[in-house]
Amino acid sequence: MATSSISFLEKTKKKIKDFGPAFFIIGYVVGTGSVTSMVVSGAKFGLSLSWALLLSCFFTYFLLISISKLTIMSGNTLMYIFKTTFGKPITLFIITALAVSIISSVIGVMGVVAEVSMEWISVKTSISFLNKPAIAIFFIALLIGLFWTGKHENFIKAMSIMVGFMALAFIFTSFMVLKESGKSIIDFFPSLPAGNNTGLIVAGIVGTTMAGVCLASRSILVQEENWGLKDLQKENKDAMSAMIMTFLISLAIMISATGTLYFKGTPVNDATDLMAALGPWAGDFALTLFTLGIIGAGLSSIFPNLLLFPWLIADYSNTPRNMKKPLYKAIVVLVALSGLIVPFLGGKPVWILIASQALSPFVMPLITLFLIILLNKKEIMKDQKTTLWMNIALTATFIFNCFMLYVAITGFIDFI
């Protein structure tokens, strides 16, 4: 009996380990940025923008498997391949754009976390000496301390569990909304009004799903897993699992927001307005559940963001990812401290966060075009020639990304 139990546990652990990169993607993508974009989209437009979520997940799948195969065949990570093939200037441009996305995301996420936490404290406790800057300082000091000591694995697991509970709550709420709203499914897809920051929200939905930073890190994770040609089928399943779960959880959030906010005409202007997306079905516990989920999602997405900039530098220079280097430690601290900007200086963290997600489409056409060129280079792919269908899929992805670039640009112009 004991042998059977141990064997089952070992098999379960192996399966989880095999899908490690998928969990990284789900954990990174389904974070505070995703929750914010989906809630705002559902509150303003119902499910009318669900096409953007579906298409971004669909096309991201092809990018994931392409990046993975390229890494396996070349033995190198993405930014280093870009540098050696297309030159330093254009690769540095991509890294700079991704770095801006990383920093702006940290700024927006910490702003949302501090605002939501402060709302919970003011409603649920009698504490009066805390404010948003103090909360932000506490969380940032915690993240820097965990990075400095290297004792972050259990903390990230705990945060992931909190995010998991919030995701389950949104899934449960979405079923309840569909069942009890009394609305026809057609009512969930209203016509889109002109203006109203539609372009920025669409770009935010696509940017949080097809995150350039997450795609770049995919190459690093595949290399760390030591996957080879024999693992291509496993890698494809991993990528598909990540995108299916991302789509289902994100859609559940959008449905929940439609039922609880859109049909009631409740606007979302501040981070505290996001909380209503779990009520009234979660009852009085909605505020606590959402706060814990946002804290978990926020901290578990900020922490990898702190590491990703040094990872990109190591990727570019083709050097070991030794996070004990003084340069990398300094970068991590500076990126973390950027999270204090909104709590100290003020601003609308919801729209800052959506805008940060909308930056991703600015580099995606270039990354997709480079992938198409590299995957058709015989000296890299050798006997693993890219199929006609994959070339068609990546070309369609490139066209979609060019369209999203246009949407993002017009969205920013309208927003400004």
Protein backbone atom coordinates (compact mmCIF):
# COMPACT_ATOMS: atom_id res chain seq x y z
CA MET A 1 0.00 0.00 0.00
CA ALA A 2 2.84 2.38 0.95
CA THR A 3 4.76 1.47 -2.22
CA SER A 4 1.65 2.14 -4.30
CA SER A 5 1.10 5.49 -2.55
CA ILE A 6 4.73 6.58 -3.03
CA SER A 7 4.58 5.50 -6.66
CA PHE A 8 1.42 7.56 -7.23
CA LEU A 9 2.98 10.63 -5.55
CA GLU A 10 6.15 10.27 -7.61
CA LYS A 11 4.13 10.01 -10.81
CA THR A 12 2.10 13.08 -9.88
CA LYS A 13 5.24 15.09 -9.09
CA LYS A 14 6.80 14.00 -12.40
CA LYS A 15 3.73 15.09 -14.35
CA ILE A 16 3.72 18.47 -12.61
CA LYS A 17 7.46 18.87 -13.28
CA ASP A 18 6.96 17.95 -16.94
CA PHE A 19 4.47 20.79 -17.29
CA GLY A 20 6.59 23.28 -15.33
CA PRO A 21 6.86 25.85 -18.17
CA ALA A 22 3.07 25.69 -18.63
CA PHE A 23 2.51 26.54 -14.95
CA PHE A 24 4.98 29.42 -15.30
CA ILE A 25 2.99 30.84 -18.22
CA ILE A 26 -0.38 30.41 -16.49
CA GLY A 27 0.99 31.92 -13.27
CA TYR A 28 2.56 34.85 -15.10
CA VAL A 29 -0.28 35.56 -17.55
CA VAL A 30 -3.25 34.98 -15.21
CA GLY A 31 -2.14 37.65 -12.78
CA THR A 32 -3.24 41.10 -11.71
CA GLY A 33 -2.89 42.46 -15.27
CA SER A 34 -5.12 39.74 -16.69
CA VAL A 35 -7.74 40.13 -13.95
CA THR A 36 -7.78 43.91 -14.46
CA SER A 37 -8.04 43.74 -18.27
CA MET A 38 -10.76 41.07 -18.24
CA VAL A 39 -12.83 42.77 -15.52
CA VAL A 40 -12.66 46.18 -17.24
CA SER A 41 -13.51 44.56 -20.59
CA GLY A 42 -16.47 42.63 -19.13
CA ALA A 43 -17.73 45.66 -17.20
CA LYS A 44 -17.64 47.95 -20.23
CA PHE A 45 -18.40 45.64 -23.16
CA GLY A 46 -19.74 42.31 -21.85
CA LEU A 47 -18.21 39.47 -23.86
CA SER A 48 -17.91 41.54 -27.04
CA LEU A 49 -14.11 41.52 -26.80
CA SER A 50 -13.83 37.79 -26.09
CA TRP A 51 -12.70 37.35 -29.71
CA ALA A 52 -9.47 39.19 -28.81
CA LEU A 53 -8.86 36.78 -25.92
CA LEU A 54 -9.58 33.72 -28.06
CA LEU A 55 -7.39 34.81 -30.97
CA SER A 56 -4.51 35.89 -28.74
CA CYS A 57 -4.50 32.49 -26.96
CA PHE A 58 -4.79 30.68 -30.33
CA PHE A 59 -1.88 32.53 -31.93
CA THR A 60 0.25 32.47 -28.77
CA TYR A 61 0.17 28.67 -28.94
CA PHE A 62 1.97 28.75 -32.31
CA LEU A 63 4.53 31.23 -30.99
CA LEU A 64 5.23 29.05 -27.94
CA ILE A 65 5.84 25.86 -29.91
CA SER A 66 7.92 27.78 -32.50
CA ILE A 67 10.15 29.37 -29.86
CA SER A 68 10.54 26.01 -28.11
CA LYS A 69 11.51 24.17 -31.29
CA LEU A 70 13.93 26.94 -32.28
CA THR A 71 15.59 26.73 -28.85
CA ILE A 72 15.83 22.94 -29.03
CA MET A 73 17.29 22.93 -32.56
CA SER A 74 19.78 25.78 -32.05
CA GLY A 75 20.70 25.04 -28.44
CA ASN A 76 20.53 28.79 -27.73
CA THR A 77 18.01 31.13 -26.16
CA LEU A 78 15.91 33.59 -28.14
CA MET A 79 17.64 36.96 -27.62
CA TYR A 80 21.07 35.45 -28.29
CA ILE A 81 19.80 33.93 -31.55
CA PHE A 82 18.30 37.30 -32.52
CA LYS A 83 21.61 39.06 -31.75
CA THR A 84 23.78 36.66 -33.75
CA THR A 85 21.37 36.56 -36.70
CA PHE A 86 19.87 40.05 -36.96
CA GLY A 87 22.46 42.15 -35.12
CA LYS A 88 22.86 43.92 -31.80
CA PRO A 89 20.90 47.18 -32.41
CA ILE A 90 17.55 45.56 -33.27
CA THR A 91 17.92 42.99 -30.47
CA LEU A 92 18.71 45.72 -27.94
CA PHE A 93 15.61 47.57 -29.16
CA ILE A 94 13.47 44.49 -28.43
CA ILE A 95 15.07 44.02 -24.98
CA THR A 96 14.56 47.72 -24.17
CA ALA A 97 10.89 47.51 -25.22
CA LEU A 98 10.41 44.40 -23.08
CA ALA A 99 12.16 46.11 -20.14
CA VAL A 100 9.77 49.08 -20.41
CA SER A 101 6.88 46.61 -20.38
CA ILE A 102 8.32 44.90 -17.29
CA ILE A 103 8.80 48.14 -15.32
CA SER A 104 5.41 49.61 -16.28
CA SER A 105 3.77 46.33 -15.29
CA VAL A 106 5.44 46.42 -11.85
CA ILE A 107 4.28 50.05 -11.41
CA GLY A 108 0.67 49.20 -12.30
CA VAL A 109 0.48 45.90 -10.39
CA MET A 110 1.83 47.35 -7.14
CA GLY A 111 -0.55 50.29 -7.50
CA VAL A 112 -3.52 47.90 -7.74
CA VAL A 113 -2.25 45.68 -4.89
CA ALA A 114 -1.74 48.68 -2.56
CA GLU A 115 -5.16 50.18 -3.39
CA VAL A 116 -7.06 46.91 -2.97
CA SER A 117 -5.20 46.06 0.27
CA MET A 118 -5.92 49.53 1.70
CA GLU A 119 -9.61 49.16 0.88
CA TRP A 120 -9.76 45.79 2.70
CA ILE A 121 -7.97 47.25 5.75
CA SER A 122 -10.30 50.25 5.93
CA VAL A 123 -13.46 48.10 5.58
CA LYS A 124 -12.52 45.03 7.60
CA THR A 125 -10.30 46.45 10.36
CA SER A 126 -10.03 49.48 12.62
CA ILE A 127 -6.37 50.12 11.71
CA SER A 128 -5.87 53.80 10.91
CA PHE A 129 -2.08 54.29 10.76
CA LEU A 130 -1.52 52.45 7.46
CA ASN A 131 -1.67 53.99 4.00
CA LYS A 132 -0.92 52.89 0.42
CA PRO A 133 2.78 53.93 0.49
CA ALA A 134 3.35 51.94 3.71
CA ILE A 135 1.65 48.87 2.24
CA ALA A 136 3.69 49.13 -0.97
CA ILE A 137 6.96 49.51 1.00
CA PHE A 138 6.11 46.41 3.03
CA PHE A 139 5.38 44.23 -0.02
CA ILE A 140 8.42 45.48 -1.97
CA ALA A 141 10.72 44.96 1.03
CA LEU A 142 9.29 41.44 1.35
CA LEU A 143 9.98 40.63 -2.33
CA ILE A 144 13.52 42.08 -2.23
CA GLY A 145 14.22 40.17 0.99
CA LEU A 146 13.01 36.90 -0.53
CA PHE A 147 15.14 37.47 -3.63
CA TRP A 148 18.21 38.41 -1.57
CA THR A 149 17.98 35.31 0.63
CA GLY A 150 16.87 33.01 -2.19
CA LYS A 151 14.07 31.65 0.01
CA HIS A 152 11.21 32.42 -2.33
CA GLU A 153 9.97 29.05 -3.60
CA ASN A 154 7.53 28.31 -0.76
CA PHE A 155 6.34 31.93 -0.79
CA ILE A 156 5.57 31.78 -4.53
CA LYS A 157 3.75 28.46 -4.00
CA ALA A 158 1.62 30.06 -1.26
CA MET A 159 0.84 33.01 -3.53
CA SER A 160 -0.08 30.61 -6.34
CA ILE A 161 -2.53 28.83 -4.05
CA MET A 162 -4.20 32.17 -3.27
CA VAL A 163 -4.45 32.93 -6.99
CA GLY A 164 -5.88 29.45 -7.55
CA PHE A 165 -8.68 30.08 -5.05
CA MET A 166 -9.49 33.38 -6.76
CA ALA A 167 -9.50 31.70 -10.18
CA LEU A 168 -11.86 28.99 -8.87
CA ALA A 169 -14.09 31.71 -7.39
CA PHE A 170 -14.29 33.44 -10.77
CA ILE A 171 -15.07 30.13 -12.52
CA PHE A 172 -17.82 29.39 -9.97
CA THR A 173 -19.15 32.96 -10.28
CA SER A 174 -19.21 32.71 -14.09
CA PHE A 175 -21.43 29.60 -13.92
CA MET A 176 -23.72 31.31 -11.42
CA VAL A 177 -23.91 34.41 -13.62
CA LEU A 178 -24.89 32.39 -16.68
CA LYS A 179 -27.47 30.46 -14.67
CA GLU A 180 -29.06 33.21 -12.58
CA SER A 181 -28.71 36.39 -14.62
CA GLY A 182 -31.96 35.74 -16.49
CA LYS A 183 -30.28 37.05 -19.64
CA SER A 184 -30.04 35.43 -23.04
CA ILE A 185 -26.51 34.50 -24.13
CA ILE A 186 -26.91 37.11 -26.89
CA ASP A 187 -27.19 39.81 -24.20
CA PHE A 188 -23.65 38.95 -23.13
CA PHE A 189 -22.40 40.21 -26.54
CA PRO A 190 -23.62 43.81 -26.83
CA SER A 191 -22.60 46.08 -29.70
CA LEU A 192 -19.44 48.06 -29.01
CA PRO A 193 -19.87 51.80 -28.46
CA ALA A 194 -17.51 54.13 -30.28
CA GLY A 195 -14.52 55.40 -28.31
CA ASN A 196 -14.58 54.53 -24.61
CA ASN A 197 -10.92 53.37 -24.72
CA THR A 198 -11.90 50.28 -26.73
CA GLY A 199 -8.59 50.09 -28.61
CA LEU A 200 -6.51 50.30 -25.43
CA ILE A 201 -8.57 47.59 -23.73
CA VAL A 202 -8.30 45.28 -26.78
CA ALA A 203 -4.53 45.81 -26.86
CA GLY A 204 -4.41 45.17 -23.10
CA ILE A 205 -6.28 41.87 -23.45
CA VAL A 206 -3.94 40.71 -26.22
CA GLY A 207 -0.86 42.08 -24.46
CA THR A 208 -1.56 40.29 -21.19
CA THR A 209 -2.08 36.98 -23.03
CA MET A 210 0.54 37.29 -25.77
CA ALA A 211 3.11 38.84 -23.44
CA GLY A 212 6.41 39.43 -25.20
CA VAL A 213 8.37 38.98 -21.96
CA CYS A 214 6.66 35.68 -21.27
CA LEU A 215 7.44 34.44 -24.80
CA ALA A 216 11.09 35.44 -24.45
CA SER A 217 11.31 33.60 -21.13
CA ARG A 218 9.79 30.48 -22.76
CA SER A 219 13.10 29.93 -24.55
CA ILE A 220 15.00 30.14 -21.24
CA LEU A 221 12.63 27.69 -19.51
CA VAL A 222 12.86 25.17 -22.36
CA GLN A 223 16.65 25.30 -22.13
CA GLU A 224 16.52 24.84 -18.35
CA GLU A 225 14.25 21.80 -18.79
CA ASN A 226 16.91 20.30 -21.13
CA TRP A 227 14.20 19.37 -23.63
CA GLY A 228 15.37 17.78 -26.88
CA LEU A 229 13.79 16.56 -30.11
CA LYS A 230 12.29 13.60 -28.27
CA ASP A 231 10.38 16.05 -26.06
CA LEU A 232 8.65 17.99 -28.86
CA GLN A 233 5.33 16.23 -28.31
CA LYS A 234 5.54 16.93 -24.58
CA GLU A 235 6.37 20.56 -25.33
CA ASN A 236 3.36 20.90 -27.64
CA LYS A 237 1.06 19.49 -24.96
CA ASP A 238 2.62 21.85 -22.43
CA ALA A 239 1.97 24.89 -24.65
CA MET A 240 -1.59 23.79 -25.43
CA SER A 241 -2.37 23.16 -21.74
CA ALA A 242 -1.09 26.63 -20.86
CA MET A 243 -3.20 28.38 -23.49
CA ILE A 244 -6.41 26.40 -22.83
CA MET A 245 -6.21 27.09 -19.09
CA THR A 246 -5.35 30.75 -19.70
CA PHE A 247 -8.35 31.13 -22.01
CA LEU A 248 -10.83 29.38 -19.69
CA ILE A 249 -9.78 31.30 -16.55
CA SER A 250 -9.68 34.65 -18.39
CA LEU A 251 -13.07 34.00 -20.00
CA ALA A 252 -14.54 33.12 -16.58
CA ILE A 253 -13.33 36.48 -15.24
CA MET A 254 -14.87 38.29 -18.22
CA ILE A 255 -18.21 36.46 -17.76
CA SER A 256 -18.22 37.24 -14.03
CA ALA A 257 -17.63 40.94 -14.73
CA THR A 258 -20.37 40.95 -17.36
CA GLY A 259 -22.95 39.51 -14.97
CA THR A 260 -21.99 41.51 -11.90
CA LEU A 261 -20.91 44.85 -13.41
CA TYR A 262 -22.00 45.29 -17.04
CA PHE A 263 -25.69 44.43 -16.58
CA LYS A 264 -25.82 46.77 -13.58
CA GLY A 265 -24.03 49.58 -15.40
CA THR A 266 -21.28 49.68 -12.77
CA PRO A 267 -18.14 51.43 -14.09
CA VAL A 268 -14.58 50.39 -13.25
CA ASN A 269 -12.38 53.41 -12.65
CA ASP A 270 -10.40 52.38 -9.57
CA ALA A 271 -8.82 49.14 -8.37
CA THR A 272 -11.44 48.87 -5.62
CA ASP A 273 -14.18 48.71 -8.28
CA LEU A 274 -12.69 45.40 -9.46
CA MET A 275 -13.85 43.70 -6.27
CA ALA A 276 -17.52 43.82 -7.29
CA ALA A 277 -16.81 41.25 -10.04
CA LEU A 278 -17.02 38.46 -7.43
CA GLY A 279 -20.24 39.64 -5.78
CA PRO A 280 -22.95 39.12 -4.89
CA TRP A 281 -22.40 35.36 -5.28
CA ALA A 282 -19.34 35.35 -3.01
CA GLY A 283 -21.30 37.35 -0.44
CA ASP A 284 -19.46 39.17 2.36
CA PHE A 285 -16.40 37.02 1.72
CA ALA A 286 -16.02 38.52 -1.81
CA LEU A 287 -13.88 41.43 -0.59
CA THR A 288 -11.50 39.20 1.40
CA LEU A 289 -11.28 36.56 -1.33
CA PHE A 290 -10.59 39.10 -4.05
CA THR A 291 -8.02 40.95 -1.89
CA LEU A 292 -6.13 37.74 -1.13
CA GLY A 293 -6.30 36.74 -4.79
CA ILE A 294 -5.05 40.13 -6.01
CA ILE A 295 -2.21 40.14 -3.47
CA GLY A 296 -1.28 36.59 -4.48
CA ALA A 297 -1.54 37.35 -8.22
CA GLY A 298 0.29 40.64 -7.83
CA LEU A 299 3.25 39.39 -5.81
CA SER A 300 3.56 36.13 -7.78
CA SER A 301 3.70 38.13 -11.04
CA ILE A 302 5.97 40.92 -9.74
CA PHE A 303 8.57 38.43 -8.49
CA PRO A 304 9.23 36.86 -11.93
CA ASN A 305 9.18 40.39 -13.39
CA LEU A 306 12.09 41.24 -11.09
CA LEU A 307 14.05 38.32 -12.52
CA LEU A 308 13.11 38.68 -16.18
CA PHE A 309 15.21 41.77 -16.97
CA PRO A 310 18.45 40.09 -15.73
CA TRP A 311 17.36 36.93 -17.56
CA LEU A 312 17.06 38.90 -20.82
CA ILE A 313 20.56 40.35 -20.30
CA ALA A 314 21.99 36.88 -19.65
CA ASP A 315 20.08 35.58 -22.68
CA TYR A 316 21.51 38.36 -24.88
CA SER A 317 25.09 37.85 -23.67
CA ASN A 318 24.79 34.03 -23.60
CA THR A 319 26.11 33.93 -20.02
CA PRO A 320 24.92 31.93 -16.98
CA ARG A 321 21.86 33.31 -15.19
CA ASN A 322 23.74 33.92 -11.95
CA MET A 323 21.38 36.12 -9.95
CA LYS A 324 24.08 36.73 -7.31
CA LYS A 325 25.95 39.10 -9.63
CA PRO A 326 26.02 42.66 -8.19
CA LEU A 327 24.65 44.07 -11.48
CA TYR A 328 21.66 41.70 -11.46
CA LYS A 329 20.97 42.40 -7.77
CA ALA A 330 21.00 46.14 -8.44
CA ILE A 331 18.61 45.76 -11.39
CA VAL A 332 16.21 43.67 -9.30
CA VAL A 333 16.16 46.30 -6.52
CA LEU A 334 15.63 49.20 -8.96
CA VAL A 335 12.78 47.42 -10.77
CA ALA A 336 11.19 46.56 -7.42
CA LEU A 337 11.43 50.17 -6.21
CA SER A 338 9.56 51.36 -9.32
CA GLY A 339 6.49 49.82 -7.69
CA LEU A 340 6.44 52.74 -5.23
CA ILE A 341 5.63 55.31 -7.94
CA VAL A 342 1.80 55.05 -7.92
CA PRO A 343 1.36 54.64 -4.14
CA PHE A 344 3.54 57.74 -3.52
CA LEU A 345 2.71 59.96 -6.50
CA GLY A 346 -0.85 58.82 -7.20
CA GLY A 347 -2.52 57.92 -10.49
CA LYS A 348 -5.04 55.43 -11.83
CA PRO A 349 -3.36 52.02 -11.37
CA VAL A 350 -6.11 50.23 -13.34
CA TRP A 351 -5.40 52.21 -16.51
CA ILE A 352 -1.65 52.27 -15.92
CA LEU A 353 -1.75 48.48 -15.75
CA ILE A 354 -3.90 48.12 -18.89
CA ALA A 355 -1.58 50.55 -20.71
CA SER A 356 1.45 48.47 -19.63
CA GLN A 357 -0.17 45.33 -21.08
CA ALA A 358 -0.97 47.26 -24.29
CA LEU A 359 2.78 47.92 -24.82
CA SER A 360 3.43 44.27 -25.72
CA PRO A 361 1.88 44.49 -29.26
CA PHE A 362 4.56 47.07 -30.17
CA VAL A 363 7.28 44.38 -30.45
CA MET A 364 5.24 41.29 -31.30
CA PRO A 365 5.22 41.78 -35.12
CA LEU A 366 9.03 42.00 -35.08
CA ILE A 367 9.44 38.93 -32.86
CA THR A 368 7.00 36.94 -35.04
CA LEU A 369 8.74 37.97 -38.27
CA PHE A 370 12.14 36.97 -36.85
CA LEU A 371 10.72 33.59 -35.82
CA ILE A 372 9.39 32.93 -39.34
CA ILE A 373 12.80 33.74 -40.85
CA LEU A 374 14.75 31.64 -38.32
CA LEU A 375 12.45 28.63 -38.54
CA ASN A 376 13.02 28.50 -42.29
CA LYS A 377 16.84 28.63 -42.02
CA LYS A 378 18.22 25.22 -42.95
CA GLU A 379 21.49 25.75 -41.03
CA ILE A 380 19.45 26.12 -37.81
CA MET A 381 16.58 23.69 -38.34
CA LYS A 382 18.69 21.06 -40.18
CA ASP A 383 16.39 18.12 -41.04
CA GLN A 384 13.49 19.52 -38.98
CA LYS A 385 12.05 21.58 -41.81
CA THR A 386 9.18 23.87 -40.87
CA THR A 387 5.94 22.60 -42.40
CA LEU A 388 3.75 24.58 -44.78
CA TRP A 389 0.94 24.61 -42.20
CA MET A 390 3.21 26.06 -39.52
CA ASN A 391 4.37 28.77 -41.92
CA ILE A 392 0.74 29.60 -42.69
CA ALA A 393 -0.09 29.70 -38.96
CA LEU A 394 2.88 31.99 -38.20
CA THR A 395 2.05 34.25 -41.16
CA ALA A 396 -1.51 34.56 -39.83
CA THR A 397 -0.01 35.33 -36.40
CA PHE A 398 2.17 38.04 -37.96
CA ILE A 399 -0.86 39.64 -39.67
CA PHE A 400 -2.81 39.49 -36.38
CA ASN A 401 0.11 41.13 -34.52
CA CYS A 402 0.38 43.90 -37.13
CA PHE A 403 -3.35 44.57 -36.71
CA MET A 404 -2.94 44.61 -32.92
CA LEU A 405 -0.05 47.08 -33.29
CA TYR A 406 -2.40 49.39 -35.20
CA VAL A 407 -5.10 48.90 -32.53
CA ALA A 408 -2.58 49.65 -29.74
CA ILE A 409 -1.31 52.83 -31.43
CA THR A 410 -4.84 54.17 -32.05
CA GLY A 411 -5.83 53.11 -28.53
CA PHE A 412 -2.98 55.10 -26.96
CA ILE A 413 -3.77 58.13 -29.16
CA ASP A 414 -7.44 58.05 -28.09
CA PHE A 415 -6.48 57.53 -24.44
CA ILE A 416 -4.07 60.46 -24.43
